[in-house]
Every structure is written in C-alpha cells, then in structure tokens.
C-alpha cells in the first residue's frame, strides 16, 4: 500500500466521522427544539418567514386557504428541499432536511394546540386572526385542538427521529 492510498483512506474515514458528527448535531438540535417547542429557537425565525409567506402565496384562493397556507407552506418548503436532495441522490442532505421538515410539524402543533386559549404572541398583535382558532372554530373542531396538536407533534417527532437515523446511516454508507 502506497502513501497516497493510505492518505485517501484516512481522509475518507475522516469524512465519515464528520458526517456522523454533523448528523448527530442536527438530530440533537431538532430534538432539543422539538422537546422545548414552547421556547423560541433560531430556526423559528426562518420558519416564521416561510409561514407568513404562505399566507400571501395562497391569498388568491380565498380566506380559508390563505390561512391554511401559512402552516402548509411552513411544512411544504422543507419537504420540497428534502425531495430535491433525494432526487439528486444526496441522501445524507435529504435526511438532514427531513429533520427540519419534522420539526415544522412540531412547530405547527404548538400553534394548533394554542387555538383554544390563544396565548401565543402573534405577528401583528391582538388584532390579527389566530390561524388555528379560526380554522378549528370554522369546522366546529375547536374543542379538539389539543388532540390535533398532539397528533401533529407525534408525527413531527417521528419524522425527526427517522431523519436522524437515515442521516447517520447515509453518513456511514455513502449512497
């Protein structure tokens, strides 16, 4: 074995270690955020912009769809990025972004669970519509807000865990 092949093998192992460490850091971050979802996190700044953009993107389809559009867009955008990486066969990156997709379910679940009591501070203050209060009340499901929030939160945590396992797997075994 020559010096070059040894060096290449060492570099390859180092990349695997770095990718595993990266996957574990992202997994820790998204699980930390999910388990402390009532607190504001850095990623929430990005998600808020995406959420608010969803209202404007879907405004042409009427008030109800525009209101749904905020949370829908917030979950859709990370999913689209994950699919993009998947189609490019960059399964490691797809898995990392999949964790973000899962966290957005958790983030939305906090909003859904708040629909009955409306304690969350909203962008625009007290004069704006609480999306999930409006939606669940419109469909006479407001008393089910906590149940829906719990279901959405469970889905989100499952997706984060799935993304973490896949990210570690793809870090170890390159595609």
Foldseek 3Di string as FASTA:
>chain_A
DDPVVVVVVVVLVVQLVVLLVVLVVLLVVLVVCLVVVVDDDPVVVVLQVQLQVQLVVQVVVDDLNSLVRSLVSSLPVLQVVLVVCVVVVVQLVSLSSLLSSLSSLSNVLVLLLCLQVVPDADVVGPVDDSSNVVVCVVVVNSVCSNVSSVVSSVSSVVSSVVSSVSNSVCSNPVD
